[in-house]
Amino acid sequence: AEIMVETDIAVLTYVSLDGHLVSTPMGTQDFEDPGTTWFLTE
């Protein structure tokens, strides 16, 4: 939790529709605990 709170920009990695790993920076918004984190997107 301490490491996560101190991080402004996290890197989200997901599997693209064509099966490749894609990493993108995401602004750390909030988390209730390390088990539930939130990001804003479109």
All heavy atoms as atom14 arrays in JSON, in Angstrom:
{
  "sequence": "AEIMVETDIAVLTYVSLDGHLVSTPMGTQDFEDPGTTWFLTE",
  "atom14_mask": [
    [1, 1, 1, 1, 1, 0, 0, 0, 0, 0, 0, 0, 0, 0],
    [1, 1, 1, 1, 1, 1, 1, 1, 1, 0, 0, 0, 0, 0],
    [1, 1, 1, 1, 1, 1, 1, 1, 0, 0, 0, 0, 0, 0],
    [1, 1, 1, 1, 1, 1, 1, 1, 0, 0, 0, 0, 0, 0],
    [1, 1, 1, 1, 1, 1, 1, 0, 0, 0, 0, 0, 0, 0],
    [1, 1, 1, 1, 1, 1, 1, 1, 1, 0, 0, 0, 0, 0],
    [1, 1, 1, 1, 1, 1, 1, 0, 0, 0, 0, 0, 0, 0],
    [1, 1, 1, 1, 1, 1, 1, 1, 0, 0, 0, 0, 0, 0],
    [1, 1, 1, 1, 1, 1, 1, 1, 0, 0, 0, 0, 0, 0],
    [1, 1, 1, 1, 1, 0, 0, 0, 0, 0, 0, 0, 0, 0],
    [1, 1, 1, 1, 1, 1, 1, 0, 0, 0, 0, 0, 0, 0],
    [1, 1, 1, 1, 1, 1, 1, 1, 0, 0, 0, 0, 0, 0],
    [1, 1, 1, 1, 1, 1, 1, 0, 0, 0, 0, 0, 0, 0],
    [1, 1, 1, 1, 1, 1, 1, 1, 1, 1, 1, 1, 0, 0],
    [1, 1, 1, 1, 1, 1, 1, 0, 0, 0, 0, 0, 0, 0],
    [1, 1, 1, 1, 1, 1, 0, 0, 0, 0, 0, 0, 0, 0],
    [1, 1, 1, 1, 1, 1, 1, 1, 0, 0, 0, 0, 0, 0],
    [1, 1, 1, 1, 1, 1, 1, 1, 0, 0, 0, 0, 0, 0],
    [1, 1, 1, 1, 0, 0, 0, 0, 0, 0, 0, 0, 0, 0],
    [1, 1, 1, 1, 1, 1, 1, 1, 1, 1, 0, 0, 0, 0],
    [1, 1, 1, 1, 1, 1, 1, 1, 0, 0, 0, 0, 0, 0],
    [1, 1, 1, 1, 1, 1, 1, 0, 0, 0, 0, 0, 0, 0],
    [1, 1, 1, 1, 1, 1, 0, 0, 0, 0, 0, 0, 0, 0],
    [1, 1, 1, 1, 1, 1, 1, 0, 0, 0, 0, 0, 0, 0],
    [1, 1, 1, 1, 1, 1, 1, 0, 0, 0, 0, 0, 0, 0],
    [1, 1, 1, 1, 1, 1, 1, 1, 0, 0, 0, 0, 0, 0],
    [1, 1, 1, 1, 0, 0, 0, 0, 0, 0, 0, 0, 0, 0],
    [1, 1, 1, 1, 1, 1, 1, 0, 0, 0, 0, 0, 0, 0],
    [1, 1, 1, 1, 1, 1, 1, 1, 1, 0, 0, 0, 0, 0],
    [1, 1, 1, 1, 1, 1, 1, 1, 0, 0, 0, 0, 0, 0],
    [1, 1, 1, 1, 1, 1, 1, 1, 1, 1, 1, 0, 0, 0],
    [1, 1, 1, 1, 1, 1, 1, 1, 1, 0, 0, 0, 0, 0],
    [1, 1, 1, 1, 1, 1, 1, 1, 0, 0, 0, 0, 0, 0],
    [1, 1, 1, 1, 1, 1, 1, 0, 0, 0, 0, 0, 0, 0],
    [1, 1, 1, 1, 0, 0, 0, 0, 0, 0, 0, 0, 0, 0],
    [1, 1, 1, 1, 1, 1, 1, 0, 0, 0, 0, 0, 0, 0],
    [1, 1, 1, 1, 1, 1, 1, 0, 0, 0, 0, 0, 0, 0],
    [1, 1, 1, 1, 1, 1, 1, 1, 1, 1, 1, 1, 1, 1],
    [1, 1, 1, 1, 1, 1, 1, 1, 1, 1, 1, 0, 0, 0],
    [1, 1, 1, 1, 1, 1, 1, 1, 0, 0, 0, 0, 0, 0],
    [1, 1, 1, 1, 1, 1, 1, 0, 0, 0, 0, 0, 0, 0],
    [1, 1, 1, 1, 1, 1, 1, 1, 1, 0, 0, 0, 0, 0]
  ],
  "atom14_positions": [
    [[0.83, -1.21, 0.0], [0.0, 0.0, 0.0], [0.86, 1.26, 0.0], [0.57, 2.21, -0.73], [-0.94, 0.0, 1.2], [0.0, 0.0, 0.0], [0.0, 0.0, 0.0], [0.0, 0.0, 0.0], [0.0, 0.0, 0.0], [0.0, 0.0, 0.0], [0.0, 0.0, 0.0], [0.0, 0.0, 0.0], [0.0, 0.0, 0.0], [0.0, 0.0, 0.0]],
    [[1.93, 1.28, 0.79], [2.81, 2.45, 0.85], [3.42, 2.74, -0.51], [3.44, 3.89, -0.97], [3.93, 2.21, 1.87], [4.93, 3.34, 1.93], [6.14, 3.03, 2.81], [6.2, 1.96, 3.45], [7.04, 3.89, 2.84], [0.0, 0.0, 0.0], [0.0, 0.0, 0.0], [0.0, 0.0, 0.0], [0.0, 0.0, 0.0], [0.0, 0.0, 0.0]],
    [[3.9, 1.7, -1.19], [4.5, 1.9, -2.51], [3.46, 2.42, -3.49], [3.71, 3.35, -4.26], [5.13, 0.58, -3.01], [6.31, 0.2, -2.1], [5.58, 0.71, -4.47], [6.8, -1.23, -2.28], [0.0, 0.0, 0.0], [0.0, 0.0, 0.0], [0.0, 0.0, 0.0], [0.0, 0.0, 0.0], [0.0, 0.0, 0.0], [0.0, 0.0, 0.0]],
    [[2.25, 1.84, -3.45], [1.19, 2.25, -4.37], [0.76, 3.7, -4.13], [0.57, 4.45, -5.08], [0.01, 1.3, -4.26], [0.31, -0.1, -4.8], [-0.97, -1.32, -4.42], [-2.35, -0.72, -5.39], [0.0, 0.0, 0.0], [0.0, 0.0, 0.0], [0.0, 0.0, 0.0], [0.0, 0.0, 0.0], [0.0, 0.0, 0.0], [0.0, 0.0, 0.0]],
    [[0.62, 4.09, -2.88], [0.2, 5.46, -2.54], [1.21, 6.48, -3.04], [0.84, 7.55, -3.51], [-0.01, 5.6, -1.02], [-0.07, 7.05, -0.6], [-1.27, 4.89, -0.59], [0.0, 0.0, 0.0], [0.0, 0.0, 0.0], [0.0, 0.0, 0.0], [0.0, 0.0, 0.0], [0.0, 0.0, 0.0], [0.0, 0.0, 0.0], [0.0, 0.0, 0.0]],
    [[2.49, 6.14, -2.96], [3.54, 7.07, -3.36], [3.76, 7.14, -4.87], [4.56, 7.94, -5.34], [4.86, 6.68, -2.68], [4.84, 6.91, -1.18], [6.17, 6.56, -0.53], [7.13, 6.22, -1.24], [6.23, 6.62, 0.7], [0.0, 0.0, 0.0], [0.0, 0.0, 0.0], [0.0, 0.0, 0.0], [0.0, 0.0, 0.0], [0.0, 0.0, 0.0]],
    [[3.06, 6.32, -5.64], [3.23, 6.27, -7.09], [2.18, 7.13, -7.78], [0.99, 6.87, -7.64], [3.13, 4.81, -7.6], [4.1, 4.02, -6.92], [3.36, 4.75, -9.1], [0.0, 0.0, 0.0], [0.0, 0.0, 0.0], [0.0, 0.0, 0.0], [0.0, 0.0, 0.0], [0.0, 0.0, 0.0], [0.0, 0.0, 0.0], [0.0, 0.0, 0.0]],
    [[2.61, 8.14, -8.51], [1.67, 9.0, -9.25], [1.19, 8.35, -10.54], [0.02, 8.41, -10.87], [2.32, 10.35, -9.57], [2.6, 11.18, -8.34], [1.82, 11.07, -7.36], [3.6, 11.91, -8.33], [0.0, 0.0, 0.0], [0.0, 0.0, 0.0], [0.0, 0.0, 0.0], [0.0, 0.0, 0.0], [0.0, 0.0, 0.0], [0.0, 0.0, 0.0]],
    [[2.13, 7.76, -11.27], [1.8, 7.13, -12.54], [2.15, 5.64, -12.47], [3.31, 5.28, -12.27], [2.57, 7.77, -13.72], [2.31, 9.27, -13.81], [2.22, 7.07, -15.04], [0.87, 9.65, -14.13], [0.0, 0.0, 0.0], [0.0, 0.0, 0.0], [0.0, 0.0, 0.0], [0.0, 0.0, 0.0], [0.0, 0.0, 0.0], [0.0, 0.0, 0.0]],
    [[1.14, 4.8, -12.61], [1.33, 3.35, -12.64], [1.36, 2.92, -14.11], [1.0, 3.69, -15.0], [0.2, 2.66, -11.9], [0.0, 0.0, 0.0], [0.0, 0.0, 0.0], [0.0, 0.0, 0.0], [0.0, 0.0, 0.0], [0.0, 0.0, 0.0], [0.0, 0.0, 0.0], [0.0, 0.0, 0.0], [0.0, 0.0, 0.0], [0.0, 0.0, 0.0]],
    [[1.78, 1.69, -14.36], [1.78, 1.16, -15.72], [0.84, -0.05, -15.75], [1.05, -1.04, -15.05], [3.2, 0.76, -16.17], [3.16, 0.14, -17.57], [4.12, 1.98, -16.16], [0.0, 0.0, 0.0], [0.0, 0.0, 0.0], [0.0, 0.0, 0.0], [0.0, 0.0, 0.0], [0.0, 0.0, 0.0], [0.0, 0.0, 0.0], [0.0, 0.0, 0.0]],
    [[-0.21, 0.07, -16.56], [-1.2, -0.98, -16.74], [-0.82, -1.81, -17.95], [-0.59, -1.27, -19.04], [-2.59, -0.36, -16.96], [-3.71, -1.32, -17.36], [-4.1, -2.21, -16.18], [-4.91, -0.54, -17.87], [0.0, 0.0, 0.0], [0.0, 0.0, 0.0], [0.0, 0.0, 0.0], [0.0, 0.0, 0.0], [0.0, 0.0, 0.0], [0.0, 0.0, 0.0]],
    [[-0.73, -3.13, -17.77], [-0.44, -4.04, -18.87], [-1.64, -4.95, -19.06], [-2.15, -5.53, -18.11], [0.83, -4.87, -18.6], [1.93, -3.97, -18.4], [1.16, -5.79, -19.76], [0.0, 0.0, 0.0], [0.0, 0.0, 0.0], [0.0, 0.0, 0.0], [0.0, 0.0, 0.0], [0.0, 0.0, 0.0], [0.0, 0.0, 0.0], [0.0, 0.0, 0.0]],
    [[-2.08, -5.05, -20.31], [-3.25, -5.87, -20.65], [-2.96, -6.59, -21.97], [-1.95, -6.33, -22.64], [-4.51, -5.01, -20.77], [-4.43, -3.92, -21.81], [-4.89, -4.12, -23.1], [-3.87, -2.68, -21.5], [-4.8, -3.13, -24.06], [-3.78, -1.68, -22.45], [-4.24, -1.91, -23.73], [-4.15, -0.93, -24.68], [0.0, 0.0, 0.0], [0.0, 0.0, 0.0]],
    [[-3.85, -7.52, -22.33], [-3.7, -8.28, -23.57], [-4.57, -7.61, -24.64], [-5.78, -7.49, -24.47], [-4.11, -9.75, -23.39], [-3.95, -10.53, -24.69], [-3.31, -10.4, -22.27], [0.0, 0.0, 0.0], [0.0, 0.0, 0.0], [0.0, 0.0, 0.0], [0.0, 0.0, 0.0], [0.0, 0.0, 0.0], [0.0, 0.0, 0.0], [0.0, 0.0, 0.0]],
    [[-3.93, -7.18, -25.73], [-4.66, -6.51, -26.82], [-5.58, -7.51, -27.53], [-5.46, -8.73, -27.34], [-3.69, -5.89, -27.82], [-3.03, -6.91, -28.55], [0.0, 0.0, 0.0], [0.0, 0.0, 0.0], [0.0, 0.0, 0.0], [0.0, 0.0, 0.0], [0.0, 0.0, 0.0], [0.0, 0.0, 0.0], [0.0, 0.0, 0.0], [0.0, 0.0, 0.0]],
    [[-6.46, -6.99, -28.36], [-7.38, -7.86, -29.1], [-6.65, -8.81, -30.05], [-7.17, -9.88, -30.37], [-8.39, -7.01, -29.88], [-9.41, -6.28, -29.01], [-10.25, -5.31, -29.84], [-10.29, -7.26, -28.26], [0.0, 0.0, 0.0], [0.0, 0.0, 0.0], [0.0, 0.0, 0.0], [0.0, 0.0, 0.0], [0.0, 0.0, 0.0], [0.0, 0.0, 0.0]],
    [[-5.42, -8.44, -30.47], [-4.66, -9.35, -31.34], [-3.68, -10.21, -30.54], [-2.81, -10.86, -31.12], [-3.97, -8.59, -32.47], [-2.98, -7.54, -31.99], [-2.8, -7.38, -30.77], [-2.37, -6.87, -32.84], [0.0, 0.0, 0.0], [0.0, 0.0, 0.0], [0.0, 0.0, 0.0], [0.0, 0.0, 0.0], [0.0, 0.0, 0.0], [0.0, 0.0, 0.0]],
    [[-3.81, -10.21, -29.21], [-3.05, -11.13, -28.38], [-1.7, -10.64, -27.89], [-0.96, -11.39, -27.25], [0.0, 0.0, 0.0], [0.0, 0.0, 0.0], [0.0, 0.0, 0.0], [0.0, 0.0, 0.0], [0.0, 0.0, 0.0], [0.0, 0.0, 0.0], [0.0, 0.0, 0.0], [0.0, 0.0, 0.0], [0.0, 0.0, 0.0], [0.0, 0.0, 0.0]],
    [[-1.35, -9.4, -28.15], [-0.07, -8.85, -27.7], [-0.22, -8.18, -26.34], [-1.28, -7.64, -26.02], [0.47, -7.83, -28.71], [0.82, -8.45, -30.01], [-0.04, -8.44, -31.09], [1.93, -9.12, -30.41], [0.53, -9.07, -32.09], [1.72, -9.5, -31.71], [0.0, 0.0, 0.0], [0.0, 0.0, 0.0], [0.0, 0.0, 0.0], [0.0, 0.0, 0.0]],
    [[0.85, -8.18, -25.57], [0.86, -7.43, -24.32], [1.06, -5.96, -24.64], [1.94, -5.6, -25.42], [1.97, -7.92, -23.39], [1.78, -9.32, -22.83], [3.0, -9.72, -22.01], [0.53, -9.41, -21.99], [0.0, 0.0, 0.0], [0.0, 0.0, 0.0], [0.0, 0.0, 0.0], [0.0, 0.0, 0.0], [0.0, 0.0, 0.0], [0.0, 0.0, 0.0]],
    [[0.26, -5.11, -24.01], [0.35, -3.66, -24.21], [0.45, -3.03, -22.83], [-0.32, -3.37, -21.92], [-0.9, -3.12, -24.93], [-0.84, -1.61, -25.06], [-1.06, -3.78, -26.3], [0.0, 0.0, 0.0], [0.0, 0.0, 0.0], [0.0, 0.0, 0.0], [0.0, 0.0, 0.0], [0.0, 0.0, 0.0], [0.0, 0.0, 0.0], [0.0, 0.0, 0.0]],
    [[1.37, -2.11, -22.67], [1.52, -1.38, -21.41], [1.25, 0.1, -21.64], [1.71, 0.66, -22.64], [2.93, -1.55, -20.85], [3.16, -2.91, -20.53], [0.0, 0.0, 0.0], [0.0, 0.0, 0.0], [0.0, 0.0, 0.0], [0.0, 0.0, 0.0], [0.0, 0.0, 0.0], [0.0, 0.0, 0.0], [0.0, 0.0, 0.0], [0.0, 0.0, 0.0]],
    [[0.52, 0.7, -20.72], [0.17, 2.11, -20.87], [0.22, 2.79, -19.5], [-0.18, 2.19, -18.5], [-1.22, 2.26, -21.51], [-1.47, 3.63, -21.77], [-2.32, 1.7, -20.66], [0.0, 0.0, 0.0], [0.0, 0.0, 0.0], [0.0, 0.0, 0.0], [0.0, 0.0, 0.0], [0.0, 0.0, 0.0], [0.0, 0.0, 0.0], [0.0, 0.0, 0.0]],
    [[0.72, 4.03, -19.45], [0.73, 4.74, -18.16], [-0.69, 5.14, -17.77], [-1.5, 5.51, -18.61], [1.59, 5.96, -18.44], [1.53, 6.16, -19.92], [1.3, 4.82, -20.53], [0.0, 0.0, 0.0], [0.0, 0.0, 0.0], [0.0, 0.0, 0.0], [0.0, 0.0, 0.0], [0.0, 0.0, 0.0], [0.0, 0.0, 0.0], [0.0, 0.0, 0.0]],
    [[-0.98, 5.03, -16.49], [-2.29, 5.39, -15.94], [-2.07, 6.2, -14.67], [-1.26, 5.82, -13.83], [-3.1, 4.14, -15.61], [-3.38, 3.22, -16.78], [-4.52, 3.89, -17.99], [-6.07, 3.81, -17.11], [0.0, 0.0, 0.0], [0.0, 0.0, 0.0], [0.0, 0.0, 0.0], [0.0, 0.0, 0.0], [0.0, 0.0, 0.0], [0.0, 0.0, 0.0]],
    [[-2.81, 7.28, -14.54], [-2.72, 8.09, -13.34], [-3.34, 7.34, -12.16], [-4.47, 6.86, -12.24], [0.0, 0.0, 0.0], [0.0, 0.0, 0.0], [0.0, 0.0, 0.0], [0.0, 0.0, 0.0], [0.0, 0.0, 0.0], [0.0, 0.0, 0.0], [0.0, 0.0, 0.0], [0.0, 0.0, 0.0], [0.0, 0.0, 0.0], [0.0, 0.0, 0.0]],
    [[-2.58, 7.21, -11.1], [-3.09, 6.55, -9.91], [-4.16, 7.43, -9.29], [-3.9, 8.57, -8.93], [-1.94, 6.3, -8.9], [-0.97, 5.46, -9.52], [-2.45, 5.65, -7.63], [0.0, 0.0, 0.0], [0.0, 0.0, 0.0], [0.0, 0.0, 0.0], [0.0, 0.0, 0.0], [0.0, 0.0, 0.0], [0.0, 0.0, 0.0], [0.0, 0.0, 0.0]],
    [[-5.37, 6.93, -9.2], [-6.48, 7.7, -8.66], [-6.71, 7.4, -7.19], [-6.69, 8.27, -6.36], [-7.76, 7.43, -9.45], [-7.71, 7.92, -10.88], [-7.49, 9.41, -10.97], [-8.01, 10.19, -10.2], [-6.7, 9.82, -11.94], [0.0, 0.0, 0.0], [0.0, 0.0, 0.0], [0.0, 0.0, 0.0], [0.0, 0.0, 0.0], [0.0, 0.0, 0.0]],
    [[-6.95, 6.14, -6.9], [-7.34, 5.79, -5.54], [-7.33, 4.28, -5.42], [-7.39, 3.56, -6.4], [-8.75, 6.31, -5.25], [-9.13, 6.2, -3.78], [-8.23, 6.06, -2.94], [-10.33, 6.24, -3.5], [0.0, 0.0, 0.0], [0.0, 0.0, 0.0], [0.0, 0.0, 0.0], [0.0, 0.0, 0.0], [0.0, 0.0, 0.0], [0.0, 0.0, 0.0]],
    [[-7.24, 3.82, -4.21], [-7.52, 2.43, -3.94], [-8.08, 2.31, -2.54], [-7.71, 3.06, -1.64], [-6.31, 1.52, -4.17], [-5.14, 1.77, -3.26], [-5.04, 1.12, -2.05], [-4.13, 2.63, -3.65], [-3.96, 1.33, -1.22], [-3.05, 2.85, -2.83], [-2.96, 2.2, -1.61], [0.0, 0.0, 0.0], [0.0, 0.0, 0.0], [0.0, 0.0, 0.0]],
    [[-9.03, 1.4, -2.4], [-9.64, 1.17, -1.09], [-8.67, 0.4, -0.22], [-8.57, 0.6, 0.97], [-10.96, 0.42, -1.27], [-11.98, 1.27, -2.02], [-13.1, 0.47, -2.62], [-13.24, -0.73, -2.34], [-13.85, 1.07, -3.41], [0.0, 0.0, 0.0], [0.0, 0.0, 0.0], [0.0, 0.0, 0.0], [0.0, 0.0, 0.0], [0.0, 0.0, 0.0]],
    [[-7.97, -0.52, -0.83], [-6.88, -1.27, -0.25], [-6.1, -1.79, -1.46], [-6.57, -1.63, -2.58], [-7.4, -2.4, 0.66], [-8.26, -3.39, -0.09], [-7.73, -4.11, -0.97], [-9.47, -3.47, 0.19], [0.0, 0.0, 0.0], [0.0, 0.0, 0.0], [0.0, 0.0, 0.0], [0.0, 0.0, 0.0], [0.0, 0.0, 0.0], [0.0, 0.0, 0.0]],
    [[-4.94, -2.37, -1.27], [-4.19, -2.8, -2.45], [-4.95, -3.8, -3.33], [-4.63, -3.97, -4.5], [-2.93, -3.45, -1.87], [-2.75, -2.77, -0.56], [-4.15, -2.54, -0.05], [0.0, 0.0, 0.0], [0.0, 0.0, 0.0], [0.0, 0.0, 0.0], [0.0, 0.0, 0.0], [0.0, 0.0, 0.0], [0.0, 0.0, 0.0], [0.0, 0.0, 0.0]],
    [[-5.99, -4.42, -2.79], [-6.77, -5.38, -3.56], [-7.79, -4.76, -4.48], [-8.33, -5.43, -5.35], [0.0, 0.0, 0.0], [0.0, 0.0, 0.0], [0.0, 0.0, 0.0], [0.0, 0.0, 0.0], [0.0, 0.0, 0.0], [0.0, 0.0, 0.0], [0.0, 0.0, 0.0], [0.0, 0.0, 0.0], [0.0, 0.0, 0.0], [0.0, 0.0, 0.0]],
    [[-8.1, -3.47, -4.34], [-9.06, -2.79, -5.2], [-8.51, -1.42, -5.58], [-8.43, -0.55, -4.72], [-10.43, -2.63, -4.52], [-10.89, -3.9, -4.06], [-11.45, -2.04, -5.47], [0.0, 0.0, 0.0], [0.0, 0.0, 0.0], [0.0, 0.0, 0.0], [0.0, 0.0, 0.0], [0.0, 0.0, 0.0], [0.0, 0.0, 0.0], [0.0, 0.0, 0.0]],
    [[-8.12, -1.27, -6.84], [-7.58, 0.0, -7.31], [-8.47, 0.54, -8.42], [-9.19, -0.21, -9.08], [-6.14, -0.16, -7.82], [-6.13, -1.07, -8.91], [-5.22, -0.67, -6.74], [0.0, 0.0, 0.0], [0.0, 0.0, 0.0], [0.0, 0.0, 0.0], [0.0, 0.0, 0.0], [0.0, 0.0, 0.0], [0.0, 0.0, 0.0], [0.0, 0.0, 0.0]],
    [[-8.41, 1.85, -8.62], [-9.27, 2.54, -9.58], [-8.45, 3.41, -10.52], [-7.53, 4.11, -10.08], [-10.26, 3.44, -8.85], [-11.22, 2.72, -7.98], [-11.06, 2.43, -6.65], [-12.5, 2.22, -8.33], [-12.17, 1.78, -6.17], [-13.07, 1.63, -7.18], [-13.23, 2.21, -9.52], [-14.33, 1.04, -7.19], [-14.49, 1.62, -9.53], [-15.02, 1.04, -8.37]],
    [[-8.85, 3.41, -11.8], [-8.29, 4.3, -12.8], [-9.43, 4.88, -13.62], [-10.5, 4.28, -13.72], [-7.34, 3.56, -13.74], [-6.14, 2.97, -13.06], [-6.09, 1.63, -12.74], [-5.05, 3.77, -12.73], [-4.99, 1.09, -12.1], [-3.94, 3.25, -12.1], [-3.91, 1.9, -11.78], [0.0, 0.0, 0.0], [0.0, 0.0, 0.0], [0.0, 0.0, 0.0]],
    [[-9.2, 6.04, -14.22], [-10.17, 6.65, -15.13], [-9.7, 6.41, -16.56], [-8.5, 6.48, -16.85], [-10.25, 8.16, -14.88], [-10.54, 8.62, -13.45], [-10.54, 10.14, -13.38], [-11.84, 8.05, -12.95], [0.0, 0.0, 0.0], [0.0, 0.0, 0.0], [0.0, 0.0, 0.0], [0.0, 0.0, 0.0], [0.0, 0.0, 0.0], [0.0, 0.0, 0.0]],
    [[-10.66, 6.16, -17.44], [-10.31, 5.95, -18.85], [-11.53, 6.25, -19.71], [-12.57, 6.64, -19.2], [-9.79, 4.51, -19.09], [-9.18, 4.44, -20.37], [-10.89, 3.48, -18.93], [0.0, 0.0, 0.0], [0.0, 0.0, 0.0], [0.0, 0.0, 0.0], [0.0, 0.0, 0.0], [0.0, 0.0, 0.0], [0.0, 0.0, 0.0], [0.0, 0.0, 0.0]],
    [[-11.39, 6.06, -21.0], [-12.47, 6.33, -21.94], [-13.0, 5.03, -22.53], [-12.23, 4.19, -23.0], [-11.98, 7.27, -23.05], [-11.64, 8.64, -22.49], [-10.8, 9.48, -23.42], [-9.88, 8.94, -24.05], [-11.08, 10.69, -23.49], [0.0, 0.0, 0.0], [0.0, 0.0, 0.0], [0.0, 0.0, 0.0], [0.0, 0.0, 0.0], [0.0, 0.0, 0.0]]
  ]
}
